[in-house]
Amino acid sequence: MAIDLHRFFKASNPSRTLDISQPEDRQYYIDFSEVRGSNLIKELGRAIIFSEDEPNCQLFTGHIGCGKSTELSRLKAELEQKGFHVVYFESSQDLDMADVDISDILLAIARQVSQSLEAAQIQLQPTRFQNLLQGAANLLNSEITGIKAKVPVVGDIGINAEPGKFSLAVGIGEITTKTKDSKDIRSLLRQHLEPRVNNILEAINQELIEPAQKQLKQQGKAGMVVIVDNLDRIDNRQRSSGRTQPEYLFVDRGELLNKLKCHVVYTVPLVLAFSNEKESLTNRFGSDPQLLPMVRVRERDGSLCSEGVALLRQMILARAFPHVDSDQRISLISELFDAVETLDYLCQVSGGHMRSLLVLLNTCMKKDDPPFSRDLVERVISQRRSELSKAITPREWELLRLVAQQKTVRGEEEYQTLLRSLFVFEYRDADESWFDINPILAEAKELQL
């Protein structure tokens, strides 16, 4: 069977998140829950469904690139099938992840929720919100001089619109578009909004969520769920107070994020799961952050996890042959690789990290047409190993040797130098979790004893 190389290349883009609600993307999805140790998306969904009208707030984390966004897309699709109105958005589209405050997150939620509700023909009358935004716009327009940065009015739906014609999503967008790319303008807006953050929260609940919940129930919906993705990408920089940005947002001020009167799922930085503040975080939100581990390619004792490799194999084959049954795809491996062993080697070296596997595959496709030879795959892997190794210090090589021997990571410092850099991955089976070095580094000369 001939491969459509253009479609295969597009489907294998490492930066592309699958949207499970779309039939085209759904055919690429592989369920890895049996080789991740648990079905976390099922658990998140059950917590929401069983909570009924009681707002449920949950935290979701994991290595960047391990498949969280795809799994959250699956959660969205499954909840919609259960009758929920789901607002899913990638917060990085609204926020500067290197510089985030609580008012920024609340405004992003308000914009995305109002935009989704307006599209669903839910009637909103956010008069308090309109007044809040008008005050912010007036401040910015009076303070900003000498540059063309004034907050505009867009026809009859901008900030100055009549109450019945006001679009909250557009109003917030008019302000945040100006602030995202300018630290000075963002600082001005925060000086105005931070003292009013409780008013913003009340406005979200009273003018958006509560009236929407009522109307959605009248339409036969089960309620509303907000999924805020990509907050795990918030920079770990230290603030002037000495607290890191994740600690400040989710521990010190997490109570505000936990007060929305609907079901919410936030992604949070993985560092918080290894921080001394983990218990404070759990107490703040009422549950532990759910961590999505890697797909197992080996067991704790080093033996091959054949189930994990088989599913990763299917992940690649599905992108090349989406319309072919999973059992029949196996017979088409020769169209992609010179041998089954070459494909399996690629899967094992990825360490079960979704994006790493797609990066390696994408690099192979840039260098040559399939079927890919073992020599090409080894050259691509060697090149990737060399790039990763450049960033590793002698002290970190020592830590990596310890991880390889002991299968553990202890302490926040070690997390930041090993896990955040994707030098070490976490795995789970039904009984336990453990850590191991990124397999792409396993043959590095610095690790040879």
Protein backbone atom coordinates (compact mmCIF):
# COMPACT_ATOMS: atom_id res chain seq x y z
CA MET A 1 0.00 0.00 0.00
CA ALA A 2 1.41 3.38 -1.04
CA ILE A 3 2.02 5.89 1.73
CA ASP A 4 0.70 9.43 1.37
CA LEU A 5 3.95 11.08 2.50
CA HIS A 6 2.44 14.56 2.79
CA ARG A 7 -0.33 13.35 5.11
CA PHE A 8 2.08 11.11 7.04
CA PHE A 9 4.46 14.03 7.62
CA LYS A 10 1.62 16.29 8.75
CA ALA A 11 0.13 13.62 11.05
CA SER A 12 3.57 13.02 12.62
CA ASN A 13 4.23 16.68 13.44
CA PRO A 14 5.63 16.64 17.03
CA SER A 15 3.99 20.01 17.78
CA ARG A 16 0.50 18.92 16.75
CA THR A 17 -2.04 18.02 19.43
CA LEU A 18 -4.71 15.52 18.45
CA ASP A 19 -8.29 16.75 18.74
CA ILE A 20 -10.16 13.56 19.59
CA SER A 21 -13.51 15.19 18.82
CA GLN A 22 -12.47 15.32 15.16
CA PRO A 23 -12.83 12.04 13.19
CA GLU A 24 -9.59 12.67 11.28
CA ASP A 25 -7.57 12.93 14.50
CA ARG A 26 -9.47 10.20 16.32
CA GLN A 27 -8.11 7.60 13.90
CA TYR A 28 -4.58 8.41 15.06
CA TYR A 29 -5.32 8.01 18.77
CA ILE A 30 -3.88 5.05 20.69
CA ASP A 31 -5.02 4.28 24.24
CA PHE A 32 -1.86 3.75 26.31
CA SER A 33 -3.57 3.49 29.71
CA GLU A 34 -2.70 -0.19 30.21
CA VAL A 35 1.03 0.58 29.96
CA ARG A 36 0.94 3.84 31.93
CA GLY A 37 -0.12 2.12 35.15
CA SER A 38 -3.68 3.51 35.35
CA ASN A 39 -6.42 5.16 33.32
CA LEU A 40 -6.12 8.70 34.65
CA ILE A 41 -8.56 10.19 32.16
CA LYS A 42 -11.21 7.73 33.30
CA GLU A 43 -10.48 8.74 36.92
CA LEU A 44 -10.72 12.47 36.15
CA GLY A 45 -13.99 11.90 34.31
CA ARG A 46 -15.54 9.79 37.07
CA ALA A 47 -14.68 12.42 39.68
CA ILE A 48 -16.55 15.00 37.59
CA ILE A 49 -19.55 12.81 36.82
CA PHE A 50 -20.00 11.61 40.40
CA SER A 51 -19.64 15.14 41.81
CA GLU A 52 -22.81 16.16 39.94
CA ASP A 53 -23.67 19.77 40.96
CA GLU A 54 -20.82 20.07 43.47
CA PRO A 55 -17.89 21.87 41.75
CA ASN A 56 -14.89 19.58 41.39
CA CYS A 57 -11.38 20.99 40.87
CA GLN A 58 -8.57 18.64 39.79
CA LEU A 59 -4.89 19.01 38.89
CA PHE A 60 -3.17 17.14 36.05
CA THR A 61 0.57 17.03 35.43
CA GLY A 62 3.35 15.16 33.69
CA HIS A 63 6.42 15.71 31.53
CA ILE A 64 5.96 18.24 28.76
CA GLY A 65 5.39 16.28 25.57
CA CYS A 66 4.23 13.06 27.25
CA GLY A 67 0.71 13.29 25.81
CA LYS A 68 -1.27 15.31 28.38
CA SER A 69 -3.00 17.53 25.83
CA THR A 70 -4.09 14.56 23.74
CA GLU A 71 -5.46 12.83 26.84
CA LEU A 72 -7.31 15.99 27.90
CA SER A 73 -8.80 16.16 24.40
CA ARG A 74 -10.05 12.63 24.98
CA LEU A 75 -11.50 13.71 28.35
CA LYS A 76 -13.31 16.58 26.62
CA ALA A 77 -14.80 14.26 24.00
CA GLU A 78 -15.94 11.71 26.59
CA LEU A 79 -17.51 14.34 28.85
CA GLU A 80 -19.34 15.86 25.89
CA GLN A 81 -20.75 12.43 25.15
CA LYS A 82 -22.03 12.40 28.74
CA GLY A 83 -23.87 15.67 28.13
CA PHE A 84 -21.43 18.22 29.58
CA HIS A 85 -20.62 21.55 27.99
CA VAL A 86 -16.81 21.50 27.97
CA VAL A 87 -14.61 24.57 27.57
CA TYR A 88 -11.09 23.40 26.68
CA PHE A 89 -8.32 25.87 25.87
CA GLU A 90 -4.54 26.15 25.76
CA SER A 91 -3.64 28.92 28.18
CA SER A 92 -0.35 29.61 26.37
CA GLN A 93 -2.39 31.31 23.65
CA ASP A 94 -3.53 33.96 26.16
CA LEU A 95 -0.59 34.16 28.58
CA ASP A 96 3.11 34.93 28.57
CA MET A 97 4.24 31.77 30.38
CA ALA A 98 7.39 33.48 31.70
CA ASP A 99 5.34 36.12 33.52
CA VAL A 100 1.91 35.10 34.86
CA ASP A 101 -0.22 36.41 37.71
CA ILE A 102 -3.52 35.19 39.07
CA SER A 103 -5.52 37.96 37.37
CA ASP A 104 -4.06 36.89 34.01
CA ILE A 105 -5.32 33.33 34.50
CA LEU A 106 -8.78 34.47 35.61
CA LEU A 107 -9.10 36.83 32.63
CA ALA A 108 -8.05 34.04 30.26
CA ILE A 109 -10.67 31.73 31.78
CA ALA A 110 -13.33 34.45 31.54
CA ARG A 111 -12.52 35.12 27.88
CA GLN A 112 -12.54 31.48 26.84
CA VAL A 113 -15.67 30.59 28.85
CA SER A 114 -17.64 33.58 27.55
CA GLN A 115 -16.55 32.87 23.98
CA SER A 116 -17.69 29.25 24.26
CA LEU A 117 -21.01 30.20 25.89
CA GLU A 118 -21.72 32.90 23.32
CA ALA A 119 -21.13 30.34 20.55
CA ALA A 120 -23.59 28.01 22.30
CA GLN A 121 -26.24 30.79 22.32
CA ILE A 122 -26.17 31.09 26.12
CA GLN A 123 -27.52 34.50 27.12
CA LEU A 124 -25.13 36.49 29.32
CA GLN A 125 -25.42 39.94 30.90
CA PRO A 126 -21.93 40.63 32.30
CA THR A 127 -22.51 44.25 33.32
CA ARG A 128 -20.07 44.12 36.26
CA PHE A 129 -17.47 42.64 34.00
CA GLN A 130 -18.07 45.34 31.43
CA ASN A 131 -17.50 47.99 34.10
CA LEU A 132 -14.30 46.25 35.27
CA LEU A 133 -12.94 46.15 31.73
CA GLN A 134 -13.93 49.72 31.02
CA GLY A 135 -12.05 50.85 34.11
CA ALA A 136 -8.98 48.90 32.96
CA ALA A 137 -9.23 50.31 29.45
CA ASN A 138 -9.54 53.86 30.75
CA LEU A 139 -6.45 53.37 32.92
CA LEU A 140 -4.35 51.97 30.10
CA ASN A 141 -5.44 54.63 27.63
CA SER A 142 -4.68 57.42 30.11
CA GLU A 143 -1.31 56.01 31.21
CA ILE A 144 0.06 54.98 27.84
CA THR A 145 1.43 57.96 25.95
CA GLY A 146 3.69 58.33 22.97
CA ILE A 147 2.80 54.89 21.52
CA LYS A 148 -0.10 53.58 19.52
CA ALA A 149 -1.32 51.13 22.12
CA LYS A 150 -4.72 52.40 23.10
CA VAL A 151 -7.41 49.81 23.74
CA PRO A 152 -9.79 50.11 20.79
CA VAL A 153 -13.53 49.86 20.50
CA VAL A 154 -14.61 47.34 17.88
CA GLY A 155 -17.88 48.38 16.33
CA ASP A 156 -20.82 47.80 18.62
CA ILE A 157 -19.36 44.83 20.49
CA GLY A 158 -16.36 46.45 22.19
CA ILE A 159 -15.90 47.64 25.74
CA ASN A 160 -18.05 50.73 25.22
CA ALA A 161 -20.91 48.80 23.62
CA GLU A 162 -24.45 48.94 24.89
CA PRO A 163 -25.02 46.28 27.59
CA GLY A 164 -27.20 44.14 25.35
CA LYS A 165 -24.61 44.12 22.57
CA PHE A 166 -21.50 43.67 24.69
CA SER A 167 -19.26 40.66 23.93
CA LEU A 168 -17.14 39.83 26.96
CA ALA A 169 -14.80 37.63 24.93
CA VAL A 170 -14.05 40.49 22.52
CA GLY A 171 -13.79 43.01 25.35
CA ILE A 172 -11.20 40.96 27.23
CA GLY A 173 -9.39 40.20 23.99
CA GLU A 174 -9.05 43.91 23.20
CA ILE A 175 -7.19 44.42 26.48
CA THR A 176 -5.13 41.23 26.78
CA THR A 177 -3.88 41.42 23.18
CA LYS A 178 -2.18 44.68 24.13
CA THR A 179 -0.72 43.34 27.36
CA LYS A 180 0.59 39.90 26.34
CA ASP A 181 3.52 41.26 24.33
CA SER A 182 4.36 44.24 26.55
CA LYS A 183 5.68 43.83 30.08
CA ASP A 184 5.11 47.52 30.88
CA ILE A 185 1.46 47.51 29.76
CA ARG A 186 0.93 44.18 31.55
CA SER A 187 2.31 45.69 34.74
CA LEU A 188 -0.09 48.63 34.50
CA LEU A 189 -3.05 46.32 34.02
CA ARG A 190 -2.05 44.17 36.99
CA GLN A 191 -1.72 47.18 39.27
CA HIS A 192 -5.34 47.90 38.44
CA LEU A 193 -6.72 44.35 38.50
CA GLU A 194 -4.86 42.57 41.32
CA PRO A 195 -6.64 44.55 44.11
CA ARG A 196 -9.90 43.65 42.34
CA VAL A 197 -9.15 39.94 41.83
CA ASN A 198 -11.95 38.86 44.18
CA ASN A 199 -14.36 41.05 42.20
CA ILE A 200 -13.20 39.35 38.99
CA LEU A 201 -13.78 35.93 40.53
CA GLU A 202 -17.26 36.92 41.71
CA ALA A 203 -18.09 38.32 38.28
CA ILE A 204 -16.99 35.06 36.60
CA ASN A 205 -19.16 33.03 38.96
CA GLN A 206 -22.21 35.30 39.11
CA GLU A 207 -22.32 36.64 35.55
CA LEU A 208 -20.89 33.69 33.59
CA ILE A 209 -20.88 30.34 35.31
CA GLU A 210 -24.06 30.43 37.41
CA PRO A 211 -26.40 31.74 34.68
CA ALA A 212 -24.76 29.39 32.18
CA GLN A 213 -25.23 26.38 34.47
CA LYS A 214 -28.91 27.23 34.82
CA GLN A 215 -29.47 27.60 31.08
CA LEU A 216 -27.43 24.50 30.26
CA LYS A 217 -29.51 22.43 32.68
CA GLN A 218 -32.66 23.76 30.98
CA GLN A 219 -31.22 22.48 27.70
CA GLY A 220 -30.74 19.04 29.25
CA LYS A 221 -26.97 19.39 29.72
CA ALA A 222 -25.21 17.81 32.69
CA GLY A 223 -23.32 21.01 33.49
CA MET A 224 -20.13 22.84 32.52
CA VAL A 225 -16.50 21.74 32.70
CA VAL A 226 -13.49 24.02 32.13
CA ILE A 227 -10.18 22.40 31.13
CA VAL A 228 -7.21 24.79 31.31
CA ASP A 229 -4.30 23.23 29.45
CA ASN A 230 -0.62 24.29 29.21
CA LEU A 231 -0.39 25.90 32.66
CA ASP A 232 2.25 23.23 33.24
CA ARG A 233 4.48 25.32 30.96
CA ILE A 234 4.60 28.23 33.41
CA ASP A 235 8.22 29.21 33.96
CA ASN A 236 9.80 28.11 37.24
CA ARG A 237 11.46 31.49 37.79
CA GLN A 238 11.74 32.95 41.27
CA ARG A 239 9.61 35.94 42.12
CA SER A 240 10.76 38.91 44.21
CA SER A 241 9.11 37.29 47.24
CA GLY A 242 11.48 34.32 46.94
CA ARG A 243 8.68 31.95 45.90
CA THR A 244 8.78 30.31 42.51
CA GLN A 245 6.06 31.26 40.07
CA PRO A 246 4.28 27.84 40.29
CA GLU A 247 4.34 27.95 44.12
CA TYR A 248 2.93 31.47 44.16
CA LEU A 249 0.11 30.73 41.70
CA PHE A 250 -1.01 27.27 42.80
CA VAL A 251 -0.09 27.16 46.49
CA ASP A 252 -0.12 30.74 47.79
CA ARG A 253 -3.07 31.83 45.63
CA GLY A 254 -4.50 28.48 44.62
CA GLU A 255 -7.58 29.06 46.73
CA LEU A 256 -8.80 31.56 44.13
CA LEU A 257 -8.39 29.02 41.31
CA ASN A 258 -10.36 26.54 43.41
CA LYS A 259 -13.37 28.85 43.80
CA LEU A 260 -14.90 28.64 40.33
CA LYS A 261 -18.44 27.28 40.60
CA CYS A 262 -18.06 24.60 37.94
CA HIS A 263 -15.89 21.55 37.35
CA VAL A 264 -12.31 22.56 36.49
CA VAL A 265 -9.17 20.68 35.45
CA TYR A 266 -5.88 22.59 35.55
CA THR A 267 -2.57 21.35 34.21
CA VAL A 268 0.20 22.28 36.67
CA PRO A 269 4.02 22.25 36.42
CA LEU A 270 5.54 18.87 37.19
CA VAL A 271 7.94 20.53 39.66
CA LEU A 272 5.03 20.88 42.11
CA ALA A 273 4.65 17.09 42.30
CA PHE A 274 8.25 16.87 43.58
CA SER A 275 8.24 20.04 45.64
CA ASN A 276 8.23 20.39 49.40
CA GLU A 277 4.97 22.26 48.79
CA LYS A 278 3.18 19.18 47.44
CA GLU A 279 1.19 18.63 50.64
CA SER A 280 0.20 22.30 50.75
CA LEU A 281 -0.92 22.02 47.14
CA THR A 282 -2.98 18.93 47.93
CA ASN A 283 -4.59 20.65 50.91
CA ARG A 284 -5.36 23.72 48.80
CA PHE A 285 -7.18 21.77 46.10
CA GLY A 286 -8.42 18.78 48.06
CA SER A 287 -6.65 16.09 46.02
CA ASP A 288 -3.20 15.10 44.78
CA PRO A 289 -2.14 16.22 41.31
CA GLN A 290 -2.69 13.33 38.89
CA LEU A 291 0.60 12.56 37.15
CA LEU A 292 0.64 11.05 33.65
CA PRO A 293 3.74 8.82 33.44
CA MET A 294 5.57 7.60 30.37
CA VAL A 295 4.53 4.60 28.33
CA ARG A 296 6.53 1.66 29.63
CA VAL A 297 9.06 0.32 27.15
CA ARG A 298 10.87 -1.64 29.86
CA GLU A 299 9.86 -2.93 33.26
CA ARG A 300 11.55 -1.94 36.49
CA ASP A 301 13.91 -4.96 36.27
CA GLY A 302 15.02 -3.88 32.79
CA SER A 303 13.08 -6.52 30.88
CA LEU A 304 11.27 -5.49 27.71
CA CYS A 305 7.65 -4.31 28.06
CA SER A 306 6.34 -5.86 24.86
CA GLU A 307 2.86 -4.38 25.34
CA GLY A 308 4.22 -0.84 25.49
CA VAL A 309 6.43 -1.27 22.44
CA ALA A 310 3.52 -2.81 20.51
CA LEU A 311 1.30 0.20 21.23
CA LEU A 312 4.03 2.68 20.30
CA ARG A 313 4.48 0.71 17.09
CA GLN A 314 0.76 1.17 16.42
CA MET A 315 1.08 4.91 17.12
CA ILE A 316 3.48 5.27 14.19
CA LEU A 317 1.64 2.86 11.91
CA ALA A 318 -1.69 4.63 12.52
CA ARG A 319 -0.22 7.88 11.27
CA ALA A 320 1.00 6.21 8.09
CA PHE A 321 -2.04 3.96 7.50
CA PRO A 322 -5.00 5.51 9.37
CA HIS A 323 -7.63 3.67 7.36
CA VAL A 324 -6.13 0.23 7.88
CA ASP A 325 -7.19 -2.06 10.74
CA SER A 326 -4.63 -2.27 13.56
CA ASP A 327 -3.99 -5.98 12.99
CA GLN A 328 -3.42 -5.48 9.27
CA ARG A 329 -1.03 -2.57 9.81
CA ILE A 330 1.62 -4.97 11.11
CA SER A 331 1.98 -6.45 7.64
CA LEU A 332 2.75 -2.96 6.31
CA ILE A 333 5.77 -2.29 8.54
CA SER A 334 8.06 -3.05 5.59
CA GLU A 335 6.63 0.02 3.83
CA LEU A 336 8.04 2.20 6.64
CA PHE A 337 11.14 0.41 7.99
CA ASP A 338 13.59 -2.15 6.70
CA ALA A 339 12.68 -4.50 9.56
CA VAL A 340 10.32 -4.80 12.52
CA GLU A 341 13.36 -4.65 14.78
CA THR A 342 14.26 -1.19 13.44
CA LEU A 343 10.82 0.17 14.28
CA ASP A 344 10.89 -1.45 17.72
CA TYR A 345 14.34 -0.01 18.37
CA LEU A 346 13.04 3.47 17.60
CA CYS A 347 10.12 2.95 19.98
CA GLN A 348 12.35 1.68 22.79
CA VAL A 349 14.84 4.54 22.47
CA SER A 350 12.02 7.09 22.74
CA GLY A 351 11.49 5.93 26.32
CA GLY A 352 7.72 6.01 25.79
CA HIS A 353 7.78 9.82 25.49
CA MET A 354 5.27 10.74 22.77
CA ARG A 355 6.95 13.87 21.45
CA SER A 356 10.43 12.35 21.49
CA LEU A 357 9.22 9.46 19.36
CA LEU A 358 7.61 11.83 16.87
CA VAL A 359 10.72 14.06 16.81
CA LEU A 360 12.87 11.05 15.90
CA LEU A 361 10.36 9.91 13.26
CA ASN A 362 10.07 13.44 11.87
CA THR A 363 13.85 13.71 11.58
CA CYS A 364 13.99 10.42 9.68
CA MET A 365 11.37 11.72 7.25
CA LYS A 366 13.34 14.91 6.66
CA LYS A 367 16.44 12.90 5.75
CA ASP A 368 14.97 10.26 3.46
CA ASP A 369 11.84 8.50 2.18
CA PRO A 370 10.63 5.30 3.84
CA PRO A 371 11.38 2.51 4.27
CA PHE A 372 13.87 3.80 6.82
CA SER A 373 17.04 1.76 7.29
CA ARG A 374 18.55 0.75 10.61
CA ASP A 375 21.61 2.82 9.70
CA LEU A 376 19.47 5.97 9.21
CA VAL A 377 17.60 5.43 12.48
CA GLU A 378 20.86 4.95 14.39
CA ARG A 379 22.33 8.12 12.86
CA VAL A 380 19.22 10.11 13.84
CA ILE A 381 19.35 8.73 17.38
CA SER A 382 23.09 9.44 17.67
CA GLN A 383 22.51 13.01 16.53
CA ARG A 384 19.72 13.47 19.08
CA ARG A 385 21.87 11.95 21.84
CA SER A 386 24.67 14.35 21.01
CA GLU A 387 22.32 17.34 21.23
CA LEU A 388 20.93 16.24 24.61
CA SER A 389 24.38 15.48 26.01
CA LYS A 390 25.64 19.00 25.35
CA ALA A 391 23.38 20.35 28.10
CA ILE A 392 24.42 17.83 30.79
CA THR A 393 26.95 18.88 33.43
CA PRO A 394 29.44 16.49 35.10
CA ARG A 395 27.36 16.59 38.29
CA GLU A 396 24.24 15.68 36.32
CA TRP A 397 26.02 12.71 34.72
CA GLU A 398 26.75 11.50 38.27
CA LEU A 399 23.07 11.85 39.18
CA LEU A 400 22.06 10.00 36.02
CA ARG A 401 24.30 7.08 36.93
CA LEU A 402 22.62 6.93 40.34
CA VAL A 403 19.17 6.97 38.76
CA ALA A 404 20.14 4.13 36.41
CA GLN A 405 21.27 2.06 39.41
CA GLN A 406 18.63 2.96 42.01
CA LYS A 407 15.57 3.81 39.83
CA THR A 408 14.72 6.74 42.12
CA VAL A 409 14.84 10.54 42.12
CA ARG A 410 14.97 12.32 45.45
CA GLY A 411 14.57 16.00 46.17
CA GLU A 412 13.39 19.03 44.29
CA GLU A 413 16.87 19.97 43.08
CA GLU A 414 17.32 16.64 41.35
CA TYR A 415 13.90 17.00 39.76
CA GLN A 416 14.76 20.35 38.24
CA THR A 417 18.03 19.13 36.74
CA LEU A 418 16.87 15.72 35.56
CA LEU A 419 13.14 15.45 34.97
CA ARG A 420 12.50 18.97 33.73
CA SER A 421 15.27 18.54 31.15
CA LEU A 422 13.82 15.18 30.04
CA PHE A 423 16.99 13.38 31.11
CA VAL A 424 14.93 11.12 33.41
CA PHE A 425 11.42 9.70 32.97
CA GLU A 426 8.88 8.35 35.46
CA TYR A 427 7.12 5.03 34.84
CA ARG A 428 4.35 3.14 36.60
CA ASP A 429 2.79 -0.28 36.60
CA ALA A 430 -0.19 -1.46 38.60
CA ASP A 431 1.87 -1.72 41.81
CA GLU A 432 4.55 0.94 41.88
CA SER A 433 6.32 3.82 40.18
CA TRP A 434 10.02 4.20 39.39
CA PHE A 435 12.42 6.41 37.46
CA ASP A 436 14.92 5.62 34.74
CA ILE A 437 17.21 7.59 32.48
CA ASN A 438 16.02 8.66 29.05
CA PRO A 439 16.99 5.61 26.94
CA ILE A 440 18.45 7.85 24.23
CA LEU A 441 21.22 8.67 26.72
CA ALA A 442 21.88 5.07 27.71
CA GLU A 443 24.73 4.61 25.22
CA ALA A 444 26.40 7.94 25.99
CA LYS A 445 30.07 7.41 26.81
CA GLU A 446 29.67 9.41 30.03
CA LEU A 447 27.33 6.72 31.41
CA GLN A 448 29.51 3.76 30.57
CA LEU A 449 30.93 2.35 33.81
